PDB file of all heavy atoms in Angstrom:
ATOM      1  N   CYS A   1    -202.761 266.492 -88.618  1.00  0.00           N
ATOM      2  CA  CYS A   1    -203.388 265.418 -87.850  1.00  0.00           C
ATOM      3  C   CYS A   1    -203.261 265.629 -86.348  1.00  0.00           C
ATOM      4  O   CYS A   1    -202.165 265.889 -85.835  1.00  0.00           O
ATOM      5  CB  CYS A   1    -202.754 264.081 -88.214  1.00  0.00           C
ATOM      6  SG  CYS A   1    -203.116 263.538 -89.903  1.00  0.00           S
ATOM      7  N   VAL A   2    -204.383 265.513 -85.664  1.00  0.00           N
ATOM      8  CA  VAL A   2    -204.422 265.428 -84.210  1.00  0.00           C
ATOM      9  C   VAL A   2    -204.940 264.025 -83.885  1.00  0.00           C
ATOM     10  O   VAL A   2    -205.956 263.591 -84.432  1.00  0.00           O
ATOM     11  CB  VAL A   2    -205.364 266.489 -83.606  1.00  0.00           C
ATOM     12  CG1 VAL A   2    -205.388 266.376 -82.085  1.00  0.00           C
ATOM     13  CG2 VAL A   2    -204.938 267.899 -84.040  1.00  0.00           C
ATOM     14  N   PHE A   3    -204.254 263.317 -83.015  1.00  0.00           N
ATOM     15  CA  PHE A   3    -204.584 261.916 -82.762  1.00  0.00           C
ATOM     16  C   PHE A   3    -205.564 261.814 -81.591  1.00  0.00           C
ATOM     17  O   PHE A   3    -205.268 262.234 -80.478  1.00  0.00           O
ATOM     18  CB  PHE A   3    -203.313 261.108 -82.518  1.00  0.00           C
ATOM     19  CG  PHE A   3    -202.478 260.981 -83.765  1.00  0.00           C
ATOM     20  CD1 PHE A   3    -201.637 262.013 -84.161  1.00  0.00           C
ATOM     21  CD2 PHE A   3    -202.568 259.850 -84.566  1.00  0.00           C
ATOM     22  CE1 PHE A   3    -200.887 261.919 -85.340  1.00  0.00           C
ATOM     23  CE2 PHE A   3    -201.825 259.752 -85.738  1.00  0.00           C
ATOM     24  CZ  PHE A   3    -200.989 260.787 -86.125  1.00  0.00           C
ATOM     25  N   GLY A   4    -206.732 261.250 -81.888  1.00  0.00           N
ATOM     26  CA  GLY A   4    -207.828 261.250 -80.932  1.00  0.00           C
ATOM     27  C   GLY A   4    -207.624 260.338 -79.737  1.00  0.00           C
ATOM     28  O   GLY A   4    -207.912 260.710 -78.605  1.00  0.00           O
ATOM     29  N   HIS A   5    -207.115 259.116 -79.997  1.00  0.00           N
ATOM     30  CA  HIS A   5    -207.018 258.169 -78.886  1.00  0.00           C
ATOM     31  C   HIS A   5    -206.055 257.040 -79.222  1.00  0.00           C
ATOM     32  O   HIS A   5    -205.644 256.855 -80.366  1.00  0.00           O
ATOM     33  CB  HIS A   5    -208.397 257.602 -78.560  1.00  0.00           C
ATOM     34  CG  HIS A   5    -208.874 256.534 -79.505  1.00  0.00           C
ATOM     35  ND1 HIS A   5    -209.152 255.238 -79.110  1.00  0.00           N
ATOM     36  CD2 HIS A   5    -209.133 256.558 -80.829  1.00  0.00           C
ATOM     37  CE1 HIS A   5    -209.569 254.521 -80.136  1.00  0.00           C
ATOM     38  NE2 HIS A   5    -209.571 255.296 -81.207  1.00  0.00           N
ATOM     39  N   THR A   6    -205.711 256.286 -78.176  1.00  0.00           N
ATOM     40  CA  THR A   6    -204.958 255.043 -78.323  1.00  0.00           C
ATOM     41  C   THR A   6    -205.940 253.888 -78.278  1.00  0.00           C
ATOM     42  O   THR A   6    -206.660 253.718 -77.293  1.00  0.00           O
ATOM     43  CB  THR A   6    -203.943 254.878 -77.182  1.00  0.00           C
ATOM     44  OG1 THR A   6    -203.040 255.974 -77.177  1.00  0.00           O
ATOM     45  CG2 THR A   6    -203.148 253.591 -77.357  1.00  0.00           C
ATOM     46  N   SER A   7    -205.977 253.089 -79.323  1.00  0.00           N
ATOM     47  CA  SER A   7    -206.893 251.956 -79.384  1.00  0.00           C
ATOM     48  C   SER A   7    -206.440 250.830 -78.467  1.00  0.00           C
ATOM     49  O   SER A   7    -205.254 250.701 -78.130  1.00  0.00           O
ATOM     50  CB  SER A   7    -206.961 251.444 -80.830  1.00  0.00           C
ATOM     51  OG  SER A   7    -207.622 250.200 -80.899  1.00  0.00           O
ATOM     52  N   GLY A   8    -207.405 249.988 -78.088  1.00  0.00           N
ATOM     53  CA  GLY A   8    -207.076 248.781 -77.351  1.00  0.00           C
ATOM     54  C   GLY A   8    -206.412 247.719 -78.209  1.00  0.00           C
ATOM     55  O   GLY A   8    -205.931 246.709 -77.688  1.00  0.00           O
ATOM     56  N   GLU A   9    -206.383 247.906 -79.535  1.00  0.00           N
ATOM     57  CA  GLU A   9    -205.666 246.989 -80.429  1.00  0.00           C
ATOM     58  C   GLU A   9    -204.158 247.174 -80.255  1.00  0.00           C
ATOM     59  O   GLU A   9    -203.656 248.301 -80.351  1.00  0.00           O
ATOM     60  CB  GLU A   9    -206.053 247.262 -81.884  1.00  0.00           C
ATOM     61  CG  GLU A   9    -207.403 246.706 -82.292  1.00  0.00           C
ATOM     62  CD  GLU A   9    -207.387 245.198 -82.475  1.00  0.00           C
ATOM     63  OE1 GLU A   9    -206.500 244.684 -83.173  1.00  0.00           O
ATOM     64  OE2 GLU A   9    -208.272 244.541 -81.909  1.00  0.00           O
ATOM     65  N   GLN A  10    -203.435 246.091 -80.022  1.00  0.00           N
ATOM     66  CA  GLN A  10    -202.000 246.200 -79.732  1.00  0.00           C
ATOM     67  C   GLN A  10    -201.236 246.892 -80.848  1.00  0.00           C
ATOM     68  O   GLN A  10    -200.293 247.650 -80.600  1.00  0.00           O
ATOM     69  CB  GLN A  10    -201.400 244.817 -79.473  1.00  0.00           C
ATOM     70  CG  GLN A  10    -201.424 243.861 -80.678  1.00  0.00           C
ATOM     71  CD  GLN A  10    -200.186 242.967 -80.745  1.00  0.00           C
ATOM     72  OE1 GLN A  10    -199.177 243.238 -80.094  1.00  0.00           O
ATOM     73  NE2 GLN A  10    -200.255 241.911 -81.545  1.00  0.00           N
ATOM     74  N   GLY A  11    -201.653 246.670 -82.090  1.00  0.00           N
ATOM     75  CA  GLY A  11    -200.931 247.261 -83.205  1.00  0.00           C
ATOM     76  C   GLY A  11    -201.025 248.773 -83.255  1.00  0.00           C
ATOM     77  O   GLY A  11    -200.100 249.446 -83.741  1.00  0.00           O
ATOM     78  N   HIS A  12    -202.099 249.338 -82.736  1.00  0.00           N
ATOM     79  CA  HIS A  12    -202.281 250.784 -82.824  1.00  0.00           C
ATOM     80  C   HIS A  12    -201.211 251.526 -82.030  1.00  0.00           C
ATOM     81  O   HIS A  12    -200.711 252.568 -82.467  1.00  0.00           O
ATOM     82  CB  HIS A  12    -203.667 251.183 -82.330  1.00  0.00           C
ATOM     83  CG  HIS A  12    -204.021 252.595 -82.655  1.00  0.00           C
ATOM     84  ND1 HIS A  12    -204.593 253.461 -81.759  1.00  0.00           N
ATOM     85  CD2 HIS A  12    -203.869 253.312 -83.808  1.00  0.00           C
ATOM     86  CE1 HIS A  12    -204.783 254.637 -82.323  1.00  0.00           C
ATOM     87  NE2 HIS A  12    -204.357 254.569 -83.564  1.00  0.00           N
ATOM     88  N   GLN A  13    -200.858 251.000 -80.888  1.00  0.00           N
ATOM     89  CA  GLN A  13    -199.836 251.657 -80.082  1.00  0.00           C
ATOM     90  C   GLN A  13    -198.495 251.700 -80.814  1.00  0.00           C
ATOM     91  O   GLN A  13    -197.757 252.692 -80.729  1.00  0.00           O
ATOM     92  CB  GLN A  13    -199.719 250.938 -78.743  1.00  0.00           C
ATOM     93  CG  GLN A  13    -201.003 251.013 -77.924  1.00  0.00           C
ATOM     94  CD  GLN A  13    -201.035 250.042 -76.760  1.00  0.00           C
ATOM     95  OE1 GLN A  13    -200.015 249.810 -76.123  1.00  0.00           O
ATOM     96  NE2 GLN A  13    -202.191 249.465 -76.496  1.00  0.00           N
ATOM     97  N   LYS A  14    -198.196 250.648 -81.559  1.00  0.00           N
ATOM     98  CA  LYS A  14    -196.954 250.634 -82.342  1.00  0.00           C
ATOM     99  C   LYS A  14    -197.031 251.627 -83.499  1.00  0.00           C
ATOM    100  O   LYS A  14    -196.036 252.264 -83.857  1.00  0.00           O
ATOM    101  CB  LYS A  14    -196.670 249.218 -82.855  1.00  0.00           C
ATOM    102  CG  LYS A  14    -196.435 248.182 -81.758  1.00  0.00           C
ATOM    103  CD  LYS A  14    -196.155 246.816 -82.351  1.00  0.00           C
ATOM    104  CE  LYS A  14    -195.876 245.780 -81.271  1.00  0.00           C
ATOM    105  NZ  LYS A  14    -197.076 245.439 -80.491  1.00  0.00           N
ATOM    106  N   MET A  15    -198.205 251.743 -84.124  1.00  0.00           N
ATOM    107  CA  MET A  15    -198.384 252.740 -85.182  1.00  0.00           C
ATOM    108  C   MET A  15    -198.143 254.151 -84.647  1.00  0.00           C
ATOM    109  O   MET A  15    -197.446 254.957 -85.274  1.00  0.00           O
ATOM    110  CB  MET A  15    -199.819 252.682 -85.732  1.00  0.00           C
ATOM    111  CG  MET A  15    -200.176 251.467 -86.557  1.00  0.00           C
ATOM    112  SD  MET A  15    -201.948 251.589 -86.986  1.00  0.00           S
ATOM    113  CE  MET A  15    -202.120 250.240 -88.139  1.00  0.00           C
ATOM    114  N   LEU A  16    -198.731 254.447 -83.492  1.00  0.00           N
ATOM    115  CA  LEU A  16    -198.589 255.783 -82.901  1.00  0.00           C
ATOM    116  C   LEU A  16    -197.132 256.080 -82.578  1.00  0.00           C
ATOM    117  O   LEU A  16    -196.651 257.202 -82.790  1.00  0.00           O
ATOM    118  CB  LEU A  16    -199.450 255.890 -81.646  1.00  0.00           C
ATOM    119  CG  LEU A  16    -200.968 255.837 -81.869  1.00  0.00           C
ATOM    120  CD1 LEU A  16    -201.692 255.718 -80.533  1.00  0.00           C
ATOM    121  CD2 LEU A  16    -201.454 257.059 -82.630  1.00  0.00           C
ATOM    122  N   SER A  17    -196.439 255.078 -82.071  1.00  0.00           N
ATOM    123  CA  SER A  17    -195.013 255.252 -81.771  1.00  0.00           C
ATOM    124  C   SER A  17    -194.226 255.541 -83.043  1.00  0.00           C
ATOM    125  O   SER A  17    -193.356 256.428 -83.073  1.00  0.00           O
ATOM    126  CB  SER A  17    -194.474 253.997 -81.083  1.00  0.00           C
ATOM    127  OG  SER A  17    -193.095 254.107 -80.834  1.00  0.00           O
ATOM    128  N   HIS A  18    -194.533 254.811 -84.116  1.00  0.00           N
ATOM    129  CA  HIS A  18    -193.862 255.034 -85.400  1.00  0.00           C
ATOM    130  C   HIS A  18    -194.090 256.453 -85.910  1.00  0.00           C
ATOM    131  O   HIS A  18    -193.183 257.071 -86.488  1.00  0.00           O
ATOM    132  CB  HIS A  18    -194.374 254.025 -86.426  1.00  0.00           C
ATOM    133  CG  HIS A  18    -193.881 254.254 -87.821  1.00  0.00           C
ATOM    134  ND1 HIS A  18    -192.615 253.884 -88.233  1.00  0.00           N
ATOM    135  CD2 HIS A  18    -194.491 254.832 -88.903  1.00  0.00           C
ATOM    136  CE1 HIS A  18    -192.461 254.227 -89.507  1.00  0.00           C
ATOM    137  NE2 HIS A  18    -193.581 254.793 -89.930  1.00  0.00           N
ATOM    138  N   LEU A  19    -195.282 256.983 -85.680  1.00  0.00           N
ATOM    139  CA  LEU A  19    -195.632 258.315 -86.165  1.00  0.00           C
ATOM    140  C   LEU A  19    -195.278 259.421 -85.167  1.00  0.00           C
ATOM    141  O   LEU A  19    -195.570 260.598 -85.422  1.00  0.00           O
ATOM    142  CB  LEU A  19    -197.136 258.373 -86.469  1.00  0.00           C
ATOM    143  CG  LEU A  19    -197.609 257.472 -87.615  1.00  0.00           C
ATOM    144  CD1 LEU A  19    -199.139 257.406 -87.644  1.00  0.00           C
ATOM    145  CD2 LEU A  19    -197.059 257.942 -88.955  1.00  0.00           C
ATOM    146  N   ASN A  20    -194.651 259.050 -84.048  1.00  0.00           N
ATOM    147  CA  ASN A  20    -194.310 260.009 -82.987  1.00  0.00           C
ATOM    148  C   ASN A  20    -195.539 260.789 -82.537  1.00  0.00           C
ATOM    149  O   ASN A  20    -195.486 262.011 -82.308  1.00  0.00           O
ATOM    150  CB  ASN A  20    -193.205 260.969 -83.445  1.00  0.00           C
ATOM    151  CG  ASN A  20    -191.900 260.271 -83.713  1.00  0.00           C
ATOM    152  OD1 ASN A  20    -191.457 259.443 -82.918  1.00  0.00           O
ATOM    153  ND2 ASN A  20    -191.269 260.576 -84.841  1.00  0.00           N
ATOM    154  N   ALA A  21    -196.657 260.084 -82.427  1.00  0.00           N
ATOM    155  CA  ALA A  21    -197.935 260.724 -82.113  1.00  0.00           C
ATOM    156  C   ALA A  21    -198.277 260.585 -80.632  1.00  0.00           C
ATOM    157  O   ALA A  21    -198.051 259.532 -80.028  1.00  0.00           O
ATOM    158  CB  ALA A  21    -199.044 260.095 -82.952  1.00  0.00           C
ATOM    159  N   THR A  22    -198.822 261.656 -80.078  1.00  0.00           N
ATOM    160  CA  THR A  22    -199.324 261.638 -78.703  1.00  0.00           C
ATOM    161  C   THR A  22    -200.829 261.810 -78.748  1.00  0.00           C
ATOM    162  O   THR A  22    -201.334 262.904 -79.023  1.00  0.00           O
ATOM    163  CB  THR A  22    -198.700 262.773 -77.870  1.00  0.00           C
ATOM    164  OG1 THR A  22    -197.274 262.653 -77.894  1.00  0.00           O
ATOM    165  CG2 THR A  22    -199.193 262.720 -76.433  1.00  0.00           C
ATOM    166  N   PRO A  23    -201.593 260.742 -78.502  1.00  0.00           N
ATOM    167  CA  PRO A  23    -203.053 260.840 -78.586  1.00  0.00           C
ATOM    168  C   PRO A  23    -203.657 261.557 -77.384  1.00  0.00           C
ATOM    169  O   PRO A  23    -203.046 261.623 -76.306  1.00  0.00           O
ATOM    170  CB  PRO A  23    -203.500 259.389 -78.643  1.00  0.00           C
ATOM    171  CG  PRO A  23    -202.422 258.637 -77.957  1.00  0.00           C
ATOM    172  CD  PRO A  23    -201.143 259.375 -78.216  1.00  0.00           C
ATOM    173  N   ILE A  24    -204.866 262.080 -77.579  1.00  0.00           N
ATOM    174  CA  ILE A  24    -205.559 262.810 -76.522  1.00  0.00           C
ATOM    175  C   ILE A  24    -206.082 261.863 -75.447  1.00  0.00           C
ATOM    176  O   ILE A  24    -205.922 262.111 -74.250  1.00  0.00           O
ATOM    177  CB  ILE A  24    -206.722 263.624 -77.128  1.00  0.00           C
ATOM    178  CG1 ILE A  24    -206.178 264.698 -78.081  1.00  0.00           C
ATOM    179  CG2 ILE A  24    -207.565 264.265 -76.034  1.00  0.00           C
ATOM    180  CD1 ILE A  24    -207.252 265.388 -78.909  1.00  0.00           C
ATOM    181  N   LEU A  25    -206.717 260.768 -75.862  1.00  0.00           N
ATOM    182  CA  LEU A  25    -207.396 259.860 -74.936  1.00  0.00           C
ATOM    183  C   LEU A  25    -206.755 258.481 -74.938  1.00  0.00           C
ATOM    184  O   LEU A  25    -206.209 258.046 -75.942  1.00  0.00           O
ATOM    185  CB  LEU A  25    -208.874 259.708 -75.326  1.00  0.00           C
ATOM    186  CG  LEU A  25    -209.717 260.976 -75.408  1.00  0.00           C
ATOM    187  CD1 LEU A  25    -211.092 260.646 -75.984  1.00  0.00           C
ATOM    188  CD2 LEU A  25    -209.855 261.626 -74.042  1.00  0.00           C
ATOM    189  N   ASN A  26    -206.865 257.796 -73.805  1.00  0.00           N
ATOM    190  CA  ASN A  26    -206.471 256.389 -73.718  1.00  0.00           C
ATOM    191  C   ASN A  26    -207.445 255.712 -72.765  1.00  0.00           C
ATOM    192  O   ASN A  26    -207.201 255.602 -71.574  1.00  0.00           O
ATOM    193  CB  ASN A  26    -205.033 256.246 -73.232  1.00  0.00           C
ATOM    194  CG  ASN A  26    -204.548 254.801 -73.293  1.00  0.00           C
ATOM    195  OD1 ASN A  26    -205.314 253.897 -73.620  1.00  0.00           O
ATOM    196  ND2 ASN A  26    -203.285 254.579 -72.970  1.00  0.00           N
ATOM    197  N   ILE A  27    -208.599 255.305 -73.318  1.00  0.00           N
ATOM    198  CA  ILE A  27    -209.668 254.777 -72.471  1.00  0.00           C
ATOM    199  C   ILE A  27    -210.127 253.389 -72.927  1.00  0.00           C
ATOM    200  O   ILE A  27    -211.249 252.970 -72.657  1.00  0.00           O
ATOM    201  CB  ILE A  27    -210.857 255.752 -72.404  1.00  0.00           C
ATOM    202  CG1 ILE A  27    -211.367 256.126 -73.804  1.00  0.00           C
ATOM    203  CG2 ILE A  27    -210.486 257.001 -71.638  1.00  0.00           C
ATOM    204  CD1 ILE A  27    -212.605 257.007 -73.794  1.00  0.00           C
ATOM    205  N   GLY A  28    -209.239 252.682 -73.638  1.00  0.00           N
ATOM    206  CA  GLY A  28    -209.514 251.289 -73.966  1.00  0.00           C
ATOM    207  C   GLY A  28    -210.483 251.058 -75.110  1.00  0.00           C
ATOM    208  O   GLY A  28    -210.986 249.949 -75.264  1.00  0.00           O
ATOM    209  N   LEU A  29    -210.733 252.066 -75.929  1.00  0.00           N
ATOM    210  CA  LEU A  29    -211.653 251.892 -77.054  1.00  0.00           C
ATOM    211  C   LEU A  29    -211.046 250.969 -78.109  1.00  0.00           C
ATOM    212  O   LEU A  29    -209.858 251.042 -78.388  1.00  0.00           O
ATOM    213  CB  LEU A  29    -211.952 253.237 -77.724  1.00  0.00           C
ATOM    214  CG  LEU A  29    -212.658 254.320 -76.913  1.00  0.00           C
ATOM    215  CD1 LEU A  29    -212.743 255.594 -77.740  1.00  0.00           C
ATOM    216  CD2 LEU A  29    -214.045 253.869 -76.499  1.00  0.00           C
ATOM    217  N   ARG A  30    -211.874 250.133 -78.712  1.00  0.00           N
ATOM    218  CA  ARG A  30    -211.476 249.383 -79.909  1.00  0.00           C
ATOM    219  C   ARG A  30    -212.706 249.058 -80.752  1.00  0.00           C
ATOM    220  O   ARG A  30    -212.843 247.982 -81.290  1.00  0.00           O
ATOM    221  CB  ARG A  30    -210.676 248.114 -79.570  1.00  0.00           C
ATOM    222  CG  ARG A  30    -211.344 247.136 -78.642  1.00  0.00           C
ATOM    223  CD  ARG A  30    -210.449 245.897 -78.441  1.00  0.00           C
ATOM    224  NE  ARG A  30    -211.096 244.893 -77.626  1.00  0.00           N
ATOM    225  CZ  ARG A  30    -211.950 243.977 -78.096  1.00  0.00           C
ATOM    226  NH1 ARG A  30    -212.260 243.960 -79.382  1.00  0.00           N
ATOM    227  NH2 ARG A  30    -212.501 243.106 -77.280  1.00  0.00           N
ATOM    228  N   LEU A  31    -213.591 250.045 -80.850  1.00  0.00           N
ATOM    229  CA  LEU A  31    -214.846 249.865 -81.569  1.00  0.00           C
ATOM    230  C   LEU A  31    -214.748 250.306 -83.020  1.00  0.00           C
ATOM    231  O   LEU A  31    -215.390 249.739 -83.897  1.00  0.00           O
ATOM    232  CB  LEU A  31    -215.966 250.644 -80.864  1.00  0.00           C
ATOM    233  CG  LEU A  31    -217.332 250.629 -81.540  1.00  0.00           C
ATOM    234  CD1 LEU A  31    -217.861 249.195 -81.657  1.00  0.00           C
ATOM    235  CD2 LEU A  31    -218.319 251.488 -80.764  1.00  0.00           C
ATOM    236  N   GLY A  32    -213.929 251.316 -83.293  1.00  0.00           N
ATOM    237  CA  GLY A  32    -213.940 251.898 -84.631  1.00  0.00           C
ATOM    238  C   GLY A  32    -215.097 252.863 -84.779  1.00  0.00           C
ATOM    239  O   GLY A  32    -215.500 253.516 -83.814  1.00  0.00           O
ATOM    240  N   GLU A  33    -215.622 252.970 -85.982  1.00  0.00           N
ATOM    241  CA  GLU A  33    -216.745 253.850 -86.308  1.00  0.00           C
ATOM    242  C   GLU A  33    -216.385 255.340 -86.224  1.00  0.00           C
ATOM    243  O   GLU A  33    -217.243 256.181 -86.484  1.00  0.00           O
ATOM    244  CB  GLU A  33    -217.962 253.594 -85.395  1.00  0.00           C
ATOM    245  CG  GLU A  33    -218.507 252.186 -85.436  1.00  0.00           C
ATOM    246  CD  GLU A  33    -219.694 251.994 -84.494  1.00  0.00           C
ATOM    247  OE1 GLU A  33    -220.212 252.994 -83.927  1.00  0.00           O
ATOM    248  OE2 GLU A  33    -220.110 250.836 -84.307  1.00  0.00           O
ATOM    249  N   GLY A  34    -215.169 255.682 -85.818  1.00  0.00           N
ATOM    250  CA  GLY A  34    -214.828 257.079 -85.575  1.00  0.00           C
ATOM    251  C   GLY A  34    -215.137 257.510 -84.157  1.00  0.00           C
ATOM    252  O   GLY A  34    -215.091 258.708 -83.845  1.00  0.00           O
ATOM    253  N   THR A  35    -215.415 256.546 -83.267  1.00  0.00           N
ATOM    254  CA  THR A  35    -215.821 256.897 -81.910  1.00  0.00           C
ATOM    255  C   THR A  35    -214.727 257.626 -81.124  1.00  0.00           C
ATOM    256  O   THR A  35    -215.022 258.552 -80.364  1.00  0.00           O
ATOM    257  CB  THR A  35    -216.259 255.644 -81.132  1.00  0.00           C
ATOM    258  OG1 THR A  35    -215.266 254.613 -81.277  1.00  0.00           O
ATOM    259  CG2 THR A  35    -217.589 255.110 -81.655  1.00  0.00           C
ATOM    260  N   GLY A  36    -213.474 257.231 -81.310  1.00  0.00           N
ATOM    261  CA  GLY A  36    -212.391 257.920 -80.610  1.00  0.00           C
ATOM    262  C   GLY A  36    -212.235 259.350 -81.086  1.00  0.00           C
ATOM    263  O   GLY A  36    -211.992 260.268 -80.283  1.00  0.00           O
ATOM    264  N   ALA A  37    -212.401 259.569 -82.385  1.00  0.00           N
ATOM    265  CA  ALA A  37    -212.331 260.931 -82.933  1.00  0.00           C
ATOM    266  C   ALA A  37    -213.481 261.775 -82.404  1.00  0.00           C
ATOM    267  O   ALA A  37    -213.297 262.945 -82.034  1.00  0.00           O
ATOM    268  CB  ALA A  37    -212.355 260.875 -84.460  1.00  0.00           C
ATOM    269  N   ALA A  38    -214.677 261.202 -82.364  1.00  0.00           N
ATOM    270  CA  ALA A  38    -215.842 261.947 -81.882  1.00  0.00           C
ATOM    271  C   ALA A  38    -215.703 262.316 -80.412  1.00  0.00           C
ATOM    272  O   ALA A  38    -216.072 263.424 -79.993  1.00  0.00           O
ATOM    273  CB  ALA A  38    -217.115 261.132 -82.103  1.00  0.00           C
ATOM    274  N   LEU A  39    -215.157 261.403 -79.610  1.00  0.00           N
ATOM    275  CA  LEU A  39    -214.970 261.680 -78.186  1.00  0.00           C
ATOM    276  C   LEU A  39    -213.911 262.752 -77.944  1.00  0.00           C
ATOM    277  O   LEU A  39    -213.999 263.527 -76.987  1.00  0.00           O
ATOM    278  CB  LEU A  39    -214.566 260.397 -77.455  1.00  0.00           C
ATOM    279  CG  LEU A  39    -215.706 259.487 -77.008  1.00  0.00           C
ATOM    280  CD1 LEU A  39    -215.156 258.147 -76.538  1.00  0.00           C
ATOM    281  CD2 LEU A  39    -216.514 260.140 -75.896  1.00  0.00           C
ATOM    282  N   ALA A  40    -212.916 262.815 -78.815  1.00  0.00           N
ATOM    283  CA  ALA A  40    -211.836 263.786 -78.639  1.00  0.00           C
ATOM    284  C   ALA A  40    -212.177 265.162 -79.208  1.00  0.00           C
ATOM    285  O   ALA A  40    -211.518 266.146 -78.862  1.00  0.00           O
ATOM    286  CB  ALA A  40    -210.558 263.256 -79.288  1.00  0.00           C
ATOM    287  N   MET A  41    -213.198 265.248 -80.046  1.00  0.00           N
ATOM    288  CA  MET A  41    -213.516 266.522 -80.696  1.00  0.00           C
ATOM    289  C   MET A  41    -213.783 267.656 -79.705  1.00  0.00           C
ATOM    290  O   MET A  41    -213.354 268.798 -79.945  1.00  0.00           O
ATOM    291  CB  MET A  41    -214.692 266.348 -81.650  1.00  0.00           C
ATOM    292  CG  MET A  41    -214.895 267.512 -82.601  1.00  0.00           C
ATOM    293  SD  MET A  41    -213.643 267.614 -83.918  1.00  0.00           S
ATOM    294  CE  MET A  41    -214.235 266.357 -85.074  1.00  0.00           C
ATOM    295  N   PRO A  42    -214.482 267.420 -78.576  1.00  0.00           N
ATOM    296  CA  PRO A  42    -214.668 268.523 -77.618  1.00  0.00           C
ATOM    297  C   PRO A  42    -213.361 269.092 -77.080  1.00  0.00           C
ATOM    298  O   PRO A  42    -213.308 270.270 -76.696  1.00  0.00           O
ATOM    299  CB  PRO A  42    -215.494 267.877 -76.496  1.00  0.00           C
ATOM    300  CG  PRO A  42    -216.197 266.744 -77.147  1.00  0.00           C
ATOM    301  CD  PRO A  42    -215.240 266.223 -78.183  1.00  0.00           C
ATOM    302  N   VAL A  43    -212.316 268.269 -77.026  1.00  0.00           N
ATOM    303  CA  VAL A  43    -211.016 268.763 -76.569  1.00  0.00           C
ATOM    304  C   VAL A  43    -210.440 269.756 -77.589  1.00  0.00           C
ATOM    305  O   VAL A  43    -209.837 270.765 -77.216  1.00  0.00           O
ATOM    306  CB  VAL A  43    -210.041 267.591 -76.324  1.00  0.00           C
ATOM    307  CG1 VAL A  43    -208.678 268.106 -75.883  1.00  0.00           C
ATOM    308  CG2 VAL A  43    -210.613 266.633 -75.285  1.00  0.00           C
ATOM    309  N   ILE A  44    -210.647 269.470 -78.875  1.00  0.00           N
ATOM    310  CA  ILE A  44    -210.210 270.399 -79.911  1.00  0.00           C
ATOM    311  C   ILE A  44    -210.962 271.718 -79.768  1.00  0.00           C
ATOM    312  O   ILE A  44    -210.363 272.806 -79.820  1.00  0.00           O
ATOM    313  CB  ILE A  44    -210.456 269.807 -81.320  1.00  0.00           C
ATOM    314  CG1 ILE A  44    -209.852 268.410 -81.452  1.00  0.00           C
ATOM    315  CG2 ILE A  44    -209.921 270.747 -82.395  1.00  0.00           C
ATOM    316  CD1 ILE A  44    -208.372 268.355 -81.325  1.00  0.00           C
ATOM    317  N   LYS A  45    -212.265 271.628 -79.565  1.00  0.00           N
ATOM    318  CA  LYS A  45    -213.071 272.846 -79.377  1.00  0.00           C
ATOM    319  C   LYS A  45    -212.598 273.624 -78.157  1.00  0.00           C
ATOM    320  O   LYS A  45    -212.468 274.862 -78.194  1.00  0.00           O
ATOM    321  CB  LYS A  45    -214.552 272.472 -79.220  1.00  0.00           C
ATOM    322  CG  LYS A  45    -215.204 271.876 -80.456  1.00  0.00           C
ATOM    323  CD  LYS A  45    -216.679 271.554 -80.161  1.00  0.00           C
ATOM    324  CE  LYS A  45    -217.379 270.919 -81.323  1.00  0.00           C
ATOM    325  NZ  LYS A  45    -218.795 270.570 -81.011  1.00  0.00           N
ATOM    326  N   ALA A  46    -212.346 272.928 -77.060  1.00  0.00           N
ATOM    327  CA  ALA A  46    -211.912 273.586 -75.828  1.00  0.00           C
ATOM    328  C   ALA A  46    -210.561 274.273 -76.009  1.00  0.00           C
ATOM    329  O   ALA A  46    -210.325 275.365 -75.473  1.00  0.00           O
ATOM    330  CB  ALA A  46    -211.846 272.572 -74.688  1.00  0.00           C
TER     331      ALA A  46
END
């Protein structure tokens, strides 16, 4: 797992902390749909 982003939902930040995860992006997204993963995918390619 590579973590795409930190959601604007307060609970997500606690989940990431529990999983010792460092996400790529933190831009206030809370839409879902896979949008954070899609935005982070170019970083994986790079």
